[in-house]
Amino acid sequence: EKKWAVSALSRYEINQEQEDTDITPGQAYTLEWGVSYAVKPTVDIGVVGYWQRQTTEDSGPSSSSAEDQVVAVGPEISMFCPKCGVFVSLRYNYEVMAESRLQGQTVCMTLTRRF
């Protein structure tokens, strides 16, 4: 009867110089999270989100000294088909806050097949 799930993933990005601009984007820390509930044994619905913050300034000619950050939240549904070993999830994230960068939306579909 494990109906609830909580997950978190963090990463730290170290960027390299972009060839066309000679700018090296600043390093960034990202935290992704999710909370879901199993409405059926093979179907979960939940809320997901992320927070990302640039931790160092960009470098190079005409680079920006602004360190951006963004926060997003939205729904996710995931389903598993045991007969064919396929997992599919659909998530939508709306960026509720953005500083020193564009604010937007993301739709992501993940399709995984077990071998």
N, C-alpha and C. Protein backbone atom coordinates (compact mmCIF):
# COMPACT_ATOMS: atom_id res chain seq x y z
N GLU A 1 0.82 -1.20 0.00
CA GLU A 1 0.00 0.00 0.00
C GLU A 1 0.86 1.26 0.00
N LYS A 2 2.02 1.20 -0.61
CA LYS A 2 2.87 2.39 -0.71
C LYS A 2 2.31 3.27 -1.82
N LYS A 3 1.50 4.24 -1.44
CA LYS A 3 0.81 5.10 -2.40
C LYS A 3 1.55 6.40 -2.69
N TRP A 4 2.34 6.88 -1.73
CA TRP A 4 3.02 8.16 -1.86
C TRP A 4 4.50 7.96 -2.20
N ALA A 5 5.03 8.88 -3.00
CA ALA A 5 6.46 8.87 -3.31
C ALA A 5 6.98 10.31 -3.28
N VAL A 6 8.20 10.47 -2.78
CA VAL A 6 8.88 11.76 -2.73
C VAL A 6 10.26 11.56 -3.34
N SER A 7 10.65 12.47 -4.21
CA SER A 7 11.97 12.34 -4.83
C SER A 7 12.66 13.69 -4.92
N ALA A 8 14.00 13.63 -4.96
CA ALA A 8 14.81 14.84 -5.12
C ALA A 8 16.08 14.47 -5.89
N LEU A 9 16.52 15.38 -6.72
CA LEU A 9 17.73 15.20 -7.52
C LEU A 9 18.46 16.53 -7.54
N SER A 10 19.74 16.51 -7.25
CA SER A 10 20.51 17.76 -7.33
C SER A 10 21.72 17.55 -8.23
N ARG A 11 22.15 18.63 -8.85
CA ARG A 11 23.34 18.56 -9.70
C ARG A 11 24.02 19.92 -9.70
N TYR A 12 25.32 19.88 -10.01
CA TYR A 12 26.12 21.09 -10.12
C TYR A 12 26.74 21.10 -11.51
N GLU A 13 26.52 22.16 -12.25
CA GLU A 13 26.99 22.25 -13.63
C GLU A 13 28.21 23.15 -13.73
N ILE A 14 29.25 22.63 -14.38
CA ILE A 14 30.46 23.40 -14.66
C ILE A 14 30.52 23.54 -16.18
N ASN A 15 30.34 24.75 -16.66
CA ASN A 15 30.23 25.00 -18.10
C ASN A 15 31.58 25.28 -18.75
N GLN A 16 31.65 25.03 -20.04
CA GLN A 16 32.83 25.30 -20.85
C GLN A 16 32.56 26.50 -21.75
N GLU A 17 33.62 27.02 -22.35
CA GLU A 17 33.50 28.17 -23.24
C GLU A 17 32.67 27.83 -24.47
N GLN A 18 31.79 28.74 -24.85
CA GLN A 18 30.99 28.58 -26.06
C GLN A 18 31.85 29.04 -27.25
N GLU A 19 31.95 28.18 -28.27
CA GLU A 19 32.84 28.47 -29.40
C GLU A 19 32.50 29.76 -30.14
N ASP A 20 31.24 29.99 -30.43
CA ASP A 20 30.86 31.14 -31.25
C ASP A 20 30.92 32.47 -30.51
N THR A 21 30.77 32.46 -29.19
CA THR A 21 30.71 33.72 -28.44
C THR A 21 31.95 33.97 -27.58
N ASP A 22 32.76 32.95 -27.35
CA ASP A 22 33.93 33.03 -26.44
C ASP A 22 33.51 33.39 -25.02
N ILE A 23 32.26 33.10 -24.67
CA ILE A 23 31.77 33.34 -23.32
C ILE A 23 31.65 32.00 -22.61
N THR A 24 32.07 31.97 -21.36
CA THR A 24 31.89 30.78 -20.51
C THR A 24 30.76 31.08 -19.54
N PRO A 25 29.61 30.40 -19.70
CA PRO A 25 28.51 30.63 -18.77
C PRO A 25 28.92 30.25 -17.34
N GLY A 26 28.37 30.93 -16.36
CA GLY A 26 28.68 30.64 -14.97
C GLY A 26 28.20 29.26 -14.55
N GLN A 27 28.77 28.76 -13.48
CA GLN A 27 28.38 27.47 -12.93
C GLN A 27 27.00 27.59 -12.29
N ALA A 28 26.29 26.46 -12.19
CA ALA A 28 24.92 26.51 -11.66
C ALA A 28 24.62 25.29 -10.80
N TYR A 29 23.77 25.51 -9.80
CA TYR A 29 23.27 24.43 -8.94
C TYR A 29 21.78 24.28 -9.23
N THR A 30 21.34 23.02 -9.42
CA THR A 30 19.93 22.74 -9.70
C THR A 30 19.40 21.71 -8.71
N LEU A 31 18.20 21.94 -8.20
CA LEU A 31 17.50 20.99 -7.35
C LEU A 31 16.15 20.71 -7.99
N GLU A 32 15.90 19.45 -8.37
CA GLU A 32 14.61 19.03 -8.90
C GLU A 32 13.92 18.20 -7.82
N TRP A 33 12.60 18.28 -7.77
CA TRP A 33 11.86 17.55 -6.73
C TRP A 33 10.51 17.09 -7.28
N GLY A 34 9.90 16.16 -6.57
CA GLY A 34 8.58 15.69 -6.95
C GLY A 34 7.89 14.96 -5.80
N VAL A 35 6.58 15.05 -5.78
CA VAL A 35 5.73 14.32 -4.83
C VAL A 35 4.61 13.71 -5.66
N SER A 36 4.38 12.40 -5.51
CA SER A 36 3.34 11.76 -6.32
C SER A 36 2.51 10.80 -5.48
N TYR A 37 1.34 10.47 -6.04
CA TYR A 37 0.40 9.56 -5.40
C TYR A 37 -0.05 8.54 -6.44
N ALA A 38 -0.03 7.27 -6.06
CA ALA A 38 -0.44 6.18 -6.97
C ALA A 38 -1.95 6.06 -6.96
N VAL A 39 -2.60 6.50 -8.04
CA VAL A 39 -4.06 6.39 -8.14
C VAL A 39 -4.47 4.99 -8.57
N LYS A 40 -3.56 4.28 -9.22
CA LYS A 40 -3.70 2.87 -9.60
C LYS A 40 -2.31 2.26 -9.46
N PRO A 41 -2.20 0.94 -9.44
CA PRO A 41 -0.86 0.35 -9.30
C PRO A 41 0.13 0.77 -10.39
N THR A 42 -0.35 1.18 -11.56
CA THR A 42 0.55 1.56 -12.65
C THR A 42 0.42 3.03 -13.07
N VAL A 43 -0.32 3.84 -12.31
CA VAL A 43 -0.52 5.26 -12.66
C VAL A 43 -0.26 6.13 -11.44
N ASP A 44 0.63 7.12 -11.61
CA ASP A 44 0.93 8.09 -10.56
C ASP A 44 0.60 9.49 -11.06
N ILE A 45 0.09 10.34 -10.17
CA ILE A 45 -0.07 11.76 -10.47
C ILE A 45 0.65 12.52 -9.37
N GLY A 46 1.15 13.70 -9.71
CA GLY A 46 1.86 14.44 -8.69
C GLY A 46 2.21 15.86 -9.08
N VAL A 47 3.02 16.46 -8.23
CA VAL A 47 3.51 17.82 -8.41
C VAL A 47 5.03 17.75 -8.46
N VAL A 48 5.61 18.45 -9.44
CA VAL A 48 7.07 18.46 -9.61
C VAL A 48 7.54 19.90 -9.73
N GLY A 49 8.83 20.09 -9.58
CA GLY A 49 9.37 21.43 -9.72
C GLY A 49 10.88 21.43 -9.72
N TYR A 50 11.43 22.63 -9.91
CA TYR A 50 12.88 22.79 -9.83
C TYR A 50 13.25 24.19 -9.38
N TRP A 51 14.45 24.29 -8.84
CA TRP A 51 15.06 25.57 -8.47
C TRP A 51 16.47 25.53 -9.00
N GLN A 52 16.86 26.57 -9.73
CA GLN A 52 18.22 26.64 -10.26
C GLN A 52 18.79 28.01 -9.97
N ARG A 53 20.05 28.02 -9.53
CA ARG A 53 20.74 29.28 -9.24
C ARG A 53 22.13 29.23 -9.82
N GLN A 54 22.47 30.28 -10.54
CA GLN A 54 23.83 30.41 -11.05
C GLN A 54 24.72 30.80 -9.88
N THR A 55 25.86 30.12 -9.72
CA THR A 55 26.71 30.34 -8.55
C THR A 55 27.97 31.15 -8.86
N THR A 56 28.32 31.28 -10.13
CA THR A 56 29.47 32.11 -10.52
C THR A 56 29.06 32.96 -11.72
N GLU A 57 29.76 34.07 -11.90
CA GLU A 57 29.47 34.96 -13.02
C GLU A 57 29.92 34.35 -14.33
N ASP A 58 29.28 34.78 -15.44
CA ASP A 58 29.76 34.43 -16.77
C ASP A 58 31.12 35.11 -16.96
N SER A 59 31.95 34.56 -17.84
CA SER A 59 33.23 35.20 -18.13
C SER A 59 33.45 35.26 -19.64
N GLY A 60 34.26 36.21 -20.06
CA GLY A 60 34.54 36.40 -21.47
C GLY A 60 34.10 37.77 -21.93
N PRO A 61 34.42 38.12 -23.20
CA PRO A 61 34.06 39.44 -23.71
C PRO A 61 32.54 39.64 -23.73
N SER A 62 32.11 40.79 -23.31
CA SER A 62 30.70 41.19 -23.25
C SER A 62 29.82 40.21 -22.48
N SER A 63 30.40 39.56 -21.47
CA SER A 63 29.60 38.66 -20.63
C SER A 63 28.87 39.46 -19.56
N SER A 64 27.85 38.85 -18.99
CA SER A 64 27.04 39.51 -17.97
C SER A 64 27.56 39.15 -16.58
N SER A 65 27.46 40.11 -15.66
CA SER A 65 27.86 39.83 -14.28
C SER A 65 26.67 39.36 -13.44
N ALA A 66 25.48 39.36 -14.04
CA ALA A 66 24.26 38.94 -13.32
C ALA A 66 24.26 37.43 -13.13
N GLU A 67 23.89 37.00 -11.95
CA GLU A 67 23.75 35.57 -11.65
C GLU A 67 22.26 35.26 -11.60
N ASP A 68 21.81 34.44 -12.55
CA ASP A 68 20.37 34.20 -12.66
C ASP A 68 19.89 33.09 -11.74
N GLN A 69 18.58 33.08 -11.52
CA GLN A 69 17.94 31.98 -10.80
C GLN A 69 16.51 31.85 -11.28
N VAL A 70 15.96 30.65 -11.10
CA VAL A 70 14.61 30.37 -11.57
C VAL A 70 13.96 29.33 -10.67
N VAL A 71 12.63 29.44 -10.50
CA VAL A 71 11.84 28.47 -9.73
C VAL A 71 10.65 28.08 -10.60
N ALA A 72 10.37 26.77 -10.67
CA ALA A 72 9.24 26.28 -11.47
C ALA A 72 8.48 25.21 -10.71
N VAL A 73 7.19 25.08 -11.03
CA VAL A 73 6.34 24.06 -10.41
C VAL A 73 5.25 23.67 -11.41
N GLY A 74 4.77 22.43 -11.30
CA GLY A 74 3.70 21.99 -12.18
C GLY A 74 3.30 20.55 -11.95
N PRO A 75 2.32 20.06 -12.72
CA PRO A 75 1.81 18.70 -12.56
C PRO A 75 2.61 17.67 -13.38
N GLU A 76 2.50 16.42 -12.97
CA GLU A 76 3.10 15.31 -13.72
C GLU A 76 2.18 14.09 -13.60
N ILE A 77 2.08 13.34 -14.68
CA ILE A 77 1.39 12.05 -14.67
C ILE A 77 2.34 11.04 -15.28
N SER A 78 2.40 9.86 -14.66
CA SER A 78 3.26 8.80 -15.19
C SER A 78 2.50 7.48 -15.18
N MET A 79 2.80 6.66 -16.18
CA MET A 79 2.12 5.37 -16.33
C MET A 79 3.14 4.31 -16.71
N PHE A 80 2.90 3.09 -16.25
CA PHE A 80 3.76 1.95 -16.57
C PHE A 80 2.90 0.83 -17.14
N CYS A 81 3.34 0.25 -18.25
CA CYS A 81 2.65 -0.89 -18.86
C CYS A 81 3.53 -2.12 -18.65
N PRO A 82 3.19 -2.96 -17.66
CA PRO A 82 4.03 -4.12 -17.35
C PRO A 82 4.15 -5.12 -18.50
N LYS A 83 3.09 -5.27 -19.29
CA LYS A 83 3.12 -6.24 -20.39
C LYS A 83 4.17 -5.91 -21.43
N CYS A 84 4.32 -4.63 -21.75
CA CYS A 84 5.30 -4.24 -22.77
C CYS A 84 6.56 -3.61 -22.18
N GLY A 85 6.62 -3.44 -20.86
CA GLY A 85 7.80 -2.88 -20.21
C GLY A 85 8.07 -1.43 -20.56
N VAL A 86 7.01 -0.65 -20.79
CA VAL A 86 7.15 0.74 -21.19
C VAL A 86 6.66 1.66 -20.06
N PHE A 87 7.46 2.68 -19.79
CA PHE A 87 7.12 3.70 -18.81
C PHE A 87 7.02 5.02 -19.56
N VAL A 88 5.96 5.78 -19.33
CA VAL A 88 5.80 7.09 -19.96
C VAL A 88 5.38 8.10 -18.90
N SER A 89 5.96 9.29 -18.98
CA SER A 89 5.55 10.36 -18.07
C SER A 89 5.44 11.66 -18.86
N LEU A 90 4.52 12.49 -18.40
CA LEU A 90 4.31 13.80 -19.01
C LEU A 90 4.30 14.82 -17.89
N ARG A 91 5.15 15.84 -18.03
CA ARG A 91 5.25 16.86 -16.98
C ARG A 91 5.20 18.24 -17.60
N TYR A 92 4.64 19.17 -16.86
CA TYR A 92 4.55 20.56 -17.27
C TYR A 92 5.08 21.41 -16.13
N ASN A 93 6.05 22.27 -16.41
CA ASN A 93 6.60 23.17 -15.41
C ASN A 93 6.38 24.61 -15.84
N TYR A 94 5.81 25.39 -14.95
CA TYR A 94 5.63 26.82 -15.17
C TYR A 94 6.60 27.55 -14.26
N GLU A 95 7.44 28.39 -14.85
CA GLU A 95 8.42 29.13 -14.05
C GLU A 95 7.71 30.29 -13.35
N VAL A 96 7.59 30.18 -12.05
CA VAL A 96 6.85 31.16 -11.26
C VAL A 96 7.72 32.35 -10.86
N MET A 97 9.05 32.21 -10.99
CA MET A 97 9.97 33.29 -10.65
C MET A 97 11.22 33.12 -11.48
N ALA A 98 11.70 34.21 -12.05
CA ALA A 98 12.96 34.19 -12.78
C ALA A 98 13.66 35.53 -12.56
N GLU A 99 14.95 35.47 -12.27
CA GLU A 99 15.75 36.69 -12.08
C GLU A 99 16.92 36.65 -13.06
N SER A 100 17.14 37.75 -13.76
CA SER A 100 18.26 37.92 -14.69
C SER A 100 18.26 36.90 -15.82
N ARG A 101 17.08 36.46 -16.22
CA ARG A 101 16.93 35.52 -17.34
C ARG A 101 15.48 35.53 -17.79
N LEU A 102 15.22 34.90 -18.92
CA LEU A 102 13.86 34.80 -19.41
C LEU A 102 13.05 33.84 -18.54
N GLN A 103 11.76 34.09 -18.43
CA GLN A 103 10.85 33.23 -17.68
C GLN A 103 9.96 32.51 -18.67
N GLY A 104 9.71 31.21 -18.45
CA GLY A 104 8.93 30.47 -19.43
C GLY A 104 8.23 29.26 -18.87
N GLN A 105 7.96 28.31 -19.77
CA GLN A 105 7.26 27.08 -19.44
C GLN A 105 7.98 25.93 -20.12
N THR A 106 7.86 24.74 -19.54
CA THR A 106 8.47 23.55 -20.11
C THR A 106 7.47 22.41 -20.11
N VAL A 107 7.39 21.69 -21.22
CA VAL A 107 6.62 20.46 -21.31
C VAL A 107 7.62 19.36 -21.64
N CYS A 108 7.59 18.29 -20.88
CA CYS A 108 8.56 17.21 -21.07
C CYS A 108 7.85 15.86 -21.05
N MET A 109 8.08 15.08 -22.08
CA MET A 109 7.56 13.71 -22.12
C MET A 109 8.74 12.75 -22.12
N THR A 110 8.70 11.78 -21.22
CA THR A 110 9.76 10.78 -21.13
C THR A 110 9.17 9.42 -21.47
N LEU A 111 9.84 8.71 -22.33
CA LEU A 111 9.43 7.36 -22.74
C LEU A 111 10.61 6.43 -22.47
N THR A 112 10.37 5.42 -21.64
CA THR A 112 11.42 4.46 -21.27
C THR A 112 10.94 3.05 -21.54
N ARG A 113 11.81 2.25 -22.14
CA ARG A 113 11.47 0.85 -22.39
C ARG A 113 12.47 -0.04 -21.66
N ARG A 114 11.95 -0.95 -20.88
CA ARG A 114 12.78 -1.90 -20.13
C ARG A 114 13.19 -3.05 -21.05
N PHE A 115 14.46 -3.45 -20.98
CA PHE A 115 14.96 -4.58 -21.79
C PHE A 115 15.25 -5.78 -20.92
